[in-house]
N, C-alpha and C. Protein backbone atom coordinates (compact mmCIF):
# COMPACT_ATOMS: atom_id res chain seq x y z
N MET A 1 58.29 -131.51 -51.73
CA MET A 1 58.21 -132.12 -53.03
C MET A 1 56.98 -133.04 -53.04
N PHE A 2 56.16 -132.89 -54.06
CA PHE A 2 54.98 -133.73 -54.21
C PHE A 2 55.26 -134.81 -55.25
N SER A 3 55.00 -136.03 -54.89
CA SER A 3 55.08 -137.13 -55.85
C SER A 3 54.28 -138.29 -55.28
N TYR A 4 53.21 -138.66 -55.97
CA TYR A 4 52.39 -139.78 -55.48
C TYR A 4 53.25 -141.02 -55.31
N SER A 5 53.99 -141.38 -56.33
CA SER A 5 54.79 -142.61 -56.28
C SER A 5 56.10 -142.43 -55.54
N GLY A 6 56.61 -141.20 -55.53
CA GLY A 6 57.93 -140.97 -54.95
C GLY A 6 59.04 -141.46 -55.87
N SER A 7 58.69 -141.78 -57.11
CA SER A 7 59.66 -142.35 -58.06
C SER A 7 59.80 -141.53 -59.33
N THR A 8 59.19 -140.37 -59.38
CA THR A 8 59.27 -139.54 -60.58
C THR A 8 60.70 -139.00 -60.72
N LYS A 9 61.34 -139.32 -61.84
CA LYS A 9 62.75 -138.98 -62.03
C LYS A 9 63.04 -137.50 -61.88
N ASP A 10 62.23 -136.65 -62.49
CA ASP A 10 62.46 -135.20 -62.41
C ASP A 10 62.37 -134.70 -60.98
N THR A 11 61.39 -135.18 -60.24
CA THR A 11 61.21 -134.76 -58.85
C THR A 11 62.39 -135.21 -58.00
N ILE A 12 62.85 -136.42 -58.20
CA ILE A 12 64.00 -136.93 -57.45
C ILE A 12 65.24 -136.11 -57.76
N GLU A 13 65.43 -135.77 -59.03
CA GLU A 13 66.59 -134.96 -59.42
C GLU A 13 66.55 -133.58 -58.78
N VAL A 14 65.39 -132.95 -58.75
CA VAL A 14 65.26 -131.64 -58.10
C VAL A 14 65.55 -131.77 -56.61
N ALA A 15 65.05 -132.81 -55.98
CA ALA A 15 65.30 -133.03 -54.55
C ALA A 15 66.80 -133.20 -54.29
N LYS A 16 67.48 -133.95 -55.13
CA LYS A 16 68.94 -134.14 -54.99
C LYS A 16 69.68 -132.82 -55.08
N LYS A 17 69.34 -132.03 -56.12
CA LYS A 17 70.02 -130.74 -56.32
C LYS A 17 69.75 -129.79 -55.16
N ALA A 18 68.52 -129.74 -54.71
CA ALA A 18 68.16 -128.85 -53.59
C ALA A 18 68.90 -129.28 -52.33
N LYS A 19 68.97 -130.57 -52.10
CA LYS A 19 69.68 -131.10 -50.92
C LYS A 19 71.16 -130.74 -50.98
N GLU A 20 71.76 -130.86 -52.17
CA GLU A 20 73.17 -130.49 -52.35
C GLU A 20 73.42 -129.02 -52.03
N LYS A 21 72.42 -128.19 -52.29
CA LYS A 21 72.53 -126.75 -52.02
C LYS A 21 72.19 -126.39 -50.59
N GLY A 22 71.85 -127.39 -49.78
CA GLY A 22 71.59 -127.16 -48.37
C GLY A 22 70.13 -126.98 -47.99
N ALA A 23 69.22 -127.18 -48.93
CA ALA A 23 67.79 -127.03 -48.62
C ALA A 23 67.30 -128.22 -47.80
N ARG A 24 66.33 -127.95 -46.94
CA ARG A 24 65.66 -129.03 -46.24
C ARG A 24 64.50 -129.48 -47.12
N ILE A 25 64.34 -130.78 -47.25
CA ILE A 25 63.35 -131.33 -48.17
C ILE A 25 62.21 -131.97 -47.39
N ILE A 26 61.01 -131.55 -47.71
CA ILE A 26 59.80 -132.19 -47.20
C ILE A 26 59.15 -132.89 -48.38
N SER A 27 59.00 -134.18 -48.28
CA SER A 27 58.34 -134.90 -49.37
C SER A 27 56.94 -135.31 -48.94
N ILE A 28 56.03 -135.18 -49.88
CA ILE A 28 54.65 -135.59 -49.67
C ILE A 28 54.38 -136.65 -50.72
N THR A 29 54.22 -137.87 -50.25
CA THR A 29 54.12 -139.01 -51.14
C THR A 29 53.22 -140.07 -50.54
N ARG A 30 52.90 -141.05 -51.31
CA ARG A 30 52.05 -142.15 -50.85
C ARG A 30 52.87 -143.27 -50.22
N PHE A 31 54.13 -143.39 -50.60
CA PHE A 31 54.92 -144.55 -50.20
C PHE A 31 56.14 -144.14 -49.37
N VAL A 32 56.24 -144.72 -48.18
CA VAL A 32 57.34 -144.36 -47.27
C VAL A 32 58.70 -144.83 -47.79
N LYS A 33 58.73 -145.92 -48.49
CA LYS A 33 60.00 -146.44 -49.03
C LYS A 33 60.03 -146.19 -50.53
N SER A 34 60.37 -144.97 -50.88
CA SER A 34 60.48 -144.59 -52.29
C SER A 34 61.80 -143.85 -52.48
N PRO A 35 62.27 -143.73 -53.71
CA PRO A 35 63.52 -143.01 -53.94
C PRO A 35 63.49 -141.57 -53.43
N LEU A 36 62.35 -140.92 -53.51
CA LEU A 36 62.25 -139.53 -53.05
C LEU A 36 62.49 -139.42 -51.55
N THR A 37 61.97 -140.35 -50.79
CA THR A 37 62.10 -140.25 -49.33
C THR A 37 63.54 -140.42 -48.86
N THR A 38 64.39 -141.03 -49.70
CA THR A 38 65.79 -141.16 -49.30
C THR A 38 66.50 -139.80 -49.30
N HIS A 39 65.95 -138.83 -50.00
CA HIS A 39 66.54 -137.48 -50.06
C HIS A 39 65.80 -136.49 -49.17
N SER A 40 64.81 -136.94 -48.46
CA SER A 40 63.94 -136.05 -47.68
C SER A 40 64.36 -135.98 -46.22
N ASP A 41 64.21 -134.79 -45.64
CA ASP A 41 64.40 -134.62 -44.20
C ASP A 41 63.13 -135.01 -43.47
N VAL A 42 61.99 -134.72 -44.10
CA VAL A 42 60.69 -135.04 -43.52
C VAL A 42 59.85 -135.68 -44.63
N THR A 43 59.16 -136.75 -44.28
CA THR A 43 58.26 -137.39 -45.23
C THR A 43 56.86 -137.38 -44.65
N LEU A 44 55.92 -136.85 -45.42
CA LEU A 44 54.51 -136.86 -45.03
C LEU A 44 53.79 -137.80 -45.99
N LEU A 45 53.14 -138.80 -45.42
CA LEU A 45 52.42 -139.76 -46.24
C LEU A 45 51.02 -139.25 -46.50
N CYS A 46 50.63 -139.27 -47.75
CA CYS A 46 49.35 -138.71 -48.12
C CYS A 46 48.93 -139.31 -49.46
N GLY A 47 47.68 -139.64 -49.57
CA GLY A 47 47.17 -140.11 -50.85
C GLY A 47 46.31 -141.34 -50.69
N ALA A 48 45.42 -141.48 -51.61
CA ALA A 48 44.52 -142.63 -51.63
C ALA A 48 45.14 -143.74 -52.48
N ASN A 49 44.64 -144.95 -52.31
CA ASN A 49 45.11 -146.04 -53.16
C ASN A 49 44.66 -145.79 -54.59
N GLU A 50 45.58 -145.99 -55.51
CA GLU A 50 45.28 -145.84 -56.93
C GLU A 50 45.52 -147.16 -57.62
N GLY A 51 44.66 -147.47 -58.55
CA GLY A 51 44.87 -148.63 -59.40
C GLY A 51 45.79 -148.25 -60.55
N PRO A 52 46.26 -149.22 -61.33
CA PRO A 52 47.19 -148.93 -62.41
C PRO A 52 46.60 -148.03 -63.50
N LEU A 53 45.30 -147.99 -63.62
CA LEU A 53 44.66 -147.15 -64.64
C LEU A 53 44.14 -145.84 -64.08
N GLN A 54 44.45 -145.53 -62.82
CA GLN A 54 43.93 -144.33 -62.17
C GLN A 54 45.01 -143.29 -61.92
N GLY A 55 46.06 -143.26 -62.70
CA GLY A 55 47.14 -142.32 -62.47
C GLY A 55 46.63 -140.90 -62.30
N GLY A 56 47.03 -140.23 -61.24
CA GLY A 56 46.60 -138.86 -60.98
C GLY A 56 45.16 -138.76 -60.55
N SER A 57 44.73 -139.67 -59.71
CA SER A 57 43.32 -139.67 -59.29
C SER A 57 42.98 -138.39 -58.52
N LEU A 58 41.74 -137.99 -58.62
CA LEU A 58 41.26 -136.78 -57.97
C LEU A 58 41.38 -136.88 -56.45
N SER A 59 41.08 -138.04 -55.88
CA SER A 59 41.15 -138.19 -54.43
C SER A 59 42.58 -137.99 -53.92
N ALA A 60 43.57 -138.47 -54.65
CA ALA A 60 44.97 -138.27 -54.24
C ALA A 60 45.34 -136.80 -54.31
N LYS A 61 44.92 -136.11 -55.36
CA LYS A 61 45.22 -134.69 -55.51
C LYS A 61 44.55 -133.86 -54.42
N ILE A 62 43.30 -134.18 -54.11
CA ILE A 62 42.60 -133.44 -53.06
C ILE A 62 43.28 -133.64 -51.71
N ALA A 63 43.71 -134.86 -51.42
CA ALA A 63 44.41 -135.12 -50.16
C ALA A 63 45.71 -134.32 -50.09
N GLN A 64 46.45 -134.25 -51.19
CA GLN A 64 47.71 -133.49 -51.20
C GLN A 64 47.43 -131.99 -51.05
N LEU A 65 46.42 -131.48 -51.73
CA LEU A 65 46.09 -130.06 -51.61
C LEU A 65 45.63 -129.71 -50.20
N TYR A 66 44.89 -130.60 -49.57
CA TYR A 66 44.45 -130.37 -48.20
C TYR A 66 45.66 -130.29 -47.26
N LEU A 67 46.59 -131.22 -47.43
CA LEU A 67 47.79 -131.22 -46.59
C LEU A 67 48.60 -129.95 -46.83
N LEU A 68 48.72 -129.52 -48.07
CA LEU A 68 49.43 -128.28 -48.37
C LEU A 68 48.75 -127.09 -47.70
N ASP A 69 47.43 -127.06 -47.70
CA ASP A 69 46.68 -125.99 -47.06
C ASP A 69 46.92 -125.97 -45.55
N VAL A 70 46.93 -127.13 -44.93
CA VAL A 70 47.20 -127.23 -43.48
C VAL A 70 48.61 -126.71 -43.17
N LEU A 71 49.58 -127.10 -43.98
CA LEU A 71 50.96 -126.65 -43.76
C LEU A 71 51.07 -125.13 -43.94
N TYR A 72 50.39 -124.60 -44.94
CA TYR A 72 50.42 -123.16 -45.18
C TYR A 72 49.83 -122.38 -44.01
N VAL A 73 48.68 -122.82 -43.53
CA VAL A 73 48.03 -122.13 -42.41
C VAL A 73 48.93 -122.15 -41.18
N GLU A 74 49.54 -123.27 -40.90
CA GLU A 74 50.42 -123.37 -39.72
C GLU A 74 51.65 -122.48 -39.89
N TYR A 75 52.25 -122.48 -41.07
CA TYR A 75 53.40 -121.61 -41.32
C TYR A 75 53.00 -120.15 -41.16
N PHE A 76 51.85 -119.79 -41.73
CA PHE A 76 51.37 -118.41 -41.65
C PHE A 76 51.17 -117.99 -40.19
N LYS A 77 50.60 -118.87 -39.38
CA LYS A 77 50.38 -118.56 -37.97
C LYS A 77 51.71 -118.37 -37.24
N ARG A 78 52.69 -119.19 -37.54
CA ARG A 78 53.98 -119.12 -36.83
C ARG A 78 54.82 -117.92 -37.26
N THR A 79 54.62 -117.44 -38.47
CA THR A 79 55.39 -116.30 -38.98
C THR A 79 54.43 -115.20 -39.39
N TYR A 80 53.50 -114.88 -38.52
CA TYR A 80 52.38 -114.02 -38.86
C TYR A 80 52.80 -112.68 -39.47
N GLN A 81 53.61 -111.90 -38.77
CA GLN A 81 53.93 -110.56 -39.26
C GLN A 81 54.72 -110.63 -40.56
N GLU A 82 55.69 -111.52 -40.64
CA GLU A 82 56.46 -111.68 -41.88
C GLU A 82 55.55 -112.11 -43.03
N SER A 83 54.62 -113.01 -42.74
CA SER A 83 53.70 -113.49 -43.77
C SER A 83 52.77 -112.38 -44.25
N ILE A 84 52.29 -111.55 -43.31
CA ILE A 84 51.44 -110.41 -43.68
C ILE A 84 52.22 -109.45 -44.58
N ASP A 85 53.46 -109.14 -44.17
CA ASP A 85 54.30 -108.23 -44.97
C ASP A 85 54.53 -108.79 -46.37
N ASN A 86 54.84 -110.09 -46.46
CA ASN A 86 55.07 -110.72 -47.76
C ASN A 86 53.81 -110.73 -48.61
N LYS A 87 52.69 -110.98 -47.99
CA LYS A 87 51.42 -111.01 -48.72
C LYS A 87 51.09 -109.63 -49.28
N GLU A 88 51.30 -108.58 -48.47
CA GLU A 88 51.04 -107.21 -48.92
C GLU A 88 52.01 -106.81 -50.03
N SER A 89 53.27 -107.19 -49.90
CA SER A 89 54.27 -106.89 -50.92
C SER A 89 53.92 -107.59 -52.23
N THR A 90 53.49 -108.83 -52.15
CA THR A 90 53.09 -109.57 -53.35
C THR A 90 51.90 -108.91 -54.01
N ALA A 91 50.92 -108.49 -53.22
CA ALA A 91 49.74 -107.83 -53.77
C ALA A 91 50.13 -106.54 -54.48
N ARG A 92 51.01 -105.74 -53.87
CA ARG A 92 51.46 -104.49 -54.51
C ARG A 92 52.16 -104.79 -55.83
N ASN A 93 53.06 -105.78 -55.83
CA ASN A 93 53.80 -106.12 -57.05
C ASN A 93 52.88 -106.67 -58.13
N MET A 94 51.88 -107.44 -57.74
CA MET A 94 50.94 -107.97 -58.73
C MET A 94 50.09 -106.86 -59.32
N ASN A 95 49.73 -105.86 -58.51
CA ASN A 95 48.98 -104.72 -59.04
C ASN A 95 49.82 -103.97 -60.06
N LEU A 96 51.11 -103.78 -59.75
CA LEU A 96 52.01 -103.13 -60.71
C LEU A 96 52.14 -103.97 -61.97
N PHE A 97 52.30 -105.28 -61.80
CA PHE A 97 52.43 -106.18 -62.93
C PHE A 97 51.21 -106.09 -63.84
N HIS A 98 50.02 -106.15 -63.25
CA HIS A 98 48.80 -106.09 -64.05
C HIS A 98 48.66 -104.74 -64.75
N HIS A 99 49.04 -103.67 -64.05
CA HIS A 99 48.97 -102.34 -64.66
C HIS A 99 49.89 -102.26 -65.88
N TYR A 100 51.15 -102.67 -65.69
CA TYR A 100 52.11 -102.57 -66.79
C TYR A 100 51.83 -103.57 -67.90
N SER A 101 51.43 -104.78 -67.54
CA SER A 101 51.16 -105.77 -68.58
C SER A 101 49.92 -105.38 -69.39
N ALA A 102 48.92 -104.78 -68.74
CA ALA A 102 47.74 -104.32 -69.48
C ALA A 102 48.14 -103.24 -70.47
N ASN A 103 49.01 -102.32 -70.06
CA ASN A 103 49.46 -101.28 -70.97
C ASN A 103 50.29 -101.86 -72.11
N LEU A 104 51.13 -102.85 -71.81
CA LEU A 104 51.92 -103.49 -72.87
C LEU A 104 51.01 -104.18 -73.87
N TYR A 105 50.01 -104.89 -73.38
CA TYR A 105 49.10 -105.59 -74.28
C TYR A 105 48.31 -104.60 -75.13
N LEU A 106 47.86 -103.49 -74.53
CA LEU A 106 47.12 -102.50 -75.30
C LEU A 106 47.98 -101.89 -76.39
N ASP A 107 49.28 -101.68 -76.08
CA ASP A 107 50.19 -101.11 -77.06
C ASP A 107 50.51 -102.10 -78.18
N LYS A 108 50.39 -103.37 -77.93
CA LYS A 108 50.82 -104.39 -78.89
C LYS A 108 49.66 -105.07 -79.61
N MET A 109 48.47 -104.50 -79.54
CA MET A 109 47.35 -105.11 -80.26
C MET A 109 47.59 -104.98 -81.76
N MET A 110 47.34 -106.07 -82.46
CA MET A 110 47.53 -106.06 -83.90
C MET A 110 46.30 -106.65 -84.57
N PRO A 111 45.93 -106.14 -85.72
CA PRO A 111 44.77 -106.69 -86.42
C PRO A 111 45.04 -108.12 -86.87
N THR A 112 44.00 -108.91 -86.93
CA THR A 112 44.10 -110.28 -87.42
C THR A 112 43.42 -110.37 -88.77
N PRO A 113 43.59 -111.49 -89.45
CA PRO A 113 42.91 -111.65 -90.74
C PRO A 113 41.39 -111.70 -90.59
N PHE A 114 40.90 -111.85 -89.35
CA PHE A 114 39.47 -111.95 -89.13
C PHE A 114 38.91 -110.56 -88.82
N PRO A 115 37.93 -110.10 -89.55
CA PRO A 115 37.36 -108.79 -89.21
C PRO A 115 36.68 -108.85 -87.84
N ASN A 116 36.62 -107.76 -87.17
CA ASN A 116 35.97 -107.64 -85.86
C ASN A 116 36.68 -108.42 -84.76
N SER A 117 37.97 -108.71 -84.90
CA SER A 117 38.70 -109.38 -83.83
C SER A 117 40.11 -108.80 -83.76
N LEU A 118 40.72 -108.94 -82.59
CA LEU A 118 42.09 -108.47 -82.39
C LEU A 118 42.92 -109.61 -81.83
N SER A 119 44.21 -109.57 -82.11
CA SER A 119 45.13 -110.57 -81.57
C SER A 119 46.12 -109.84 -80.67
N LEU A 120 46.47 -110.45 -79.55
CA LEU A 120 47.44 -109.86 -78.64
C LEU A 120 48.78 -110.55 -78.80
N VAL A 121 49.84 -109.77 -78.86
CA VAL A 121 51.18 -110.34 -78.87
C VAL A 121 51.52 -110.70 -77.44
N SER A 122 51.92 -111.93 -77.20
CA SER A 122 52.24 -112.37 -75.84
C SER A 122 53.66 -111.98 -75.49
N LEU A 123 53.82 -111.29 -74.37
CA LEU A 123 55.14 -110.90 -73.89
C LEU A 123 55.41 -111.59 -72.57
N LYS A 124 56.60 -112.15 -72.43
CA LYS A 124 56.96 -112.84 -71.20
C LYS A 124 58.14 -112.12 -70.56
N PHE A 125 58.03 -111.79 -69.27
CA PHE A 125 59.13 -111.18 -68.55
C PHE A 125 59.02 -111.52 -67.08
N ASN A 126 60.12 -111.35 -66.40
CA ASN A 126 60.19 -111.68 -64.97
C ASN A 126 60.09 -110.41 -64.14
N ILE A 127 59.44 -110.52 -63.00
CA ILE A 127 59.39 -109.42 -62.04
C ILE A 127 60.53 -109.62 -61.05
N ILE A 128 61.32 -108.62 -60.84
CA ILE A 128 62.43 -108.72 -59.89
C ILE A 128 62.10 -107.91 -58.67
């Protein structure tokens, strides 16, 4: 769970629900003593100091993204074959998704009031 302050109500609520369902929670936050860390199994401290007018500073986001990248690389190395299989499966499914969604969009093109332009009907669906 990412939260600079560790006090974002929605993030804390998600952490509580996930914990109730048996998930292990890793929190990435700036403050060790925050409401989020009370629900976490592991707390990683990350982020630059922010002033009151700097909410969502770029340096804090970059630090969090870097930490996420390090965690991903380590997980990938430890579960190499499973990660390769998952990556290939995701690529295959995304290719199918793009193929079918392109056909759906082409089938659903409708003229707009503007000459020389087309509007696409947006369709939302889940891949299972």
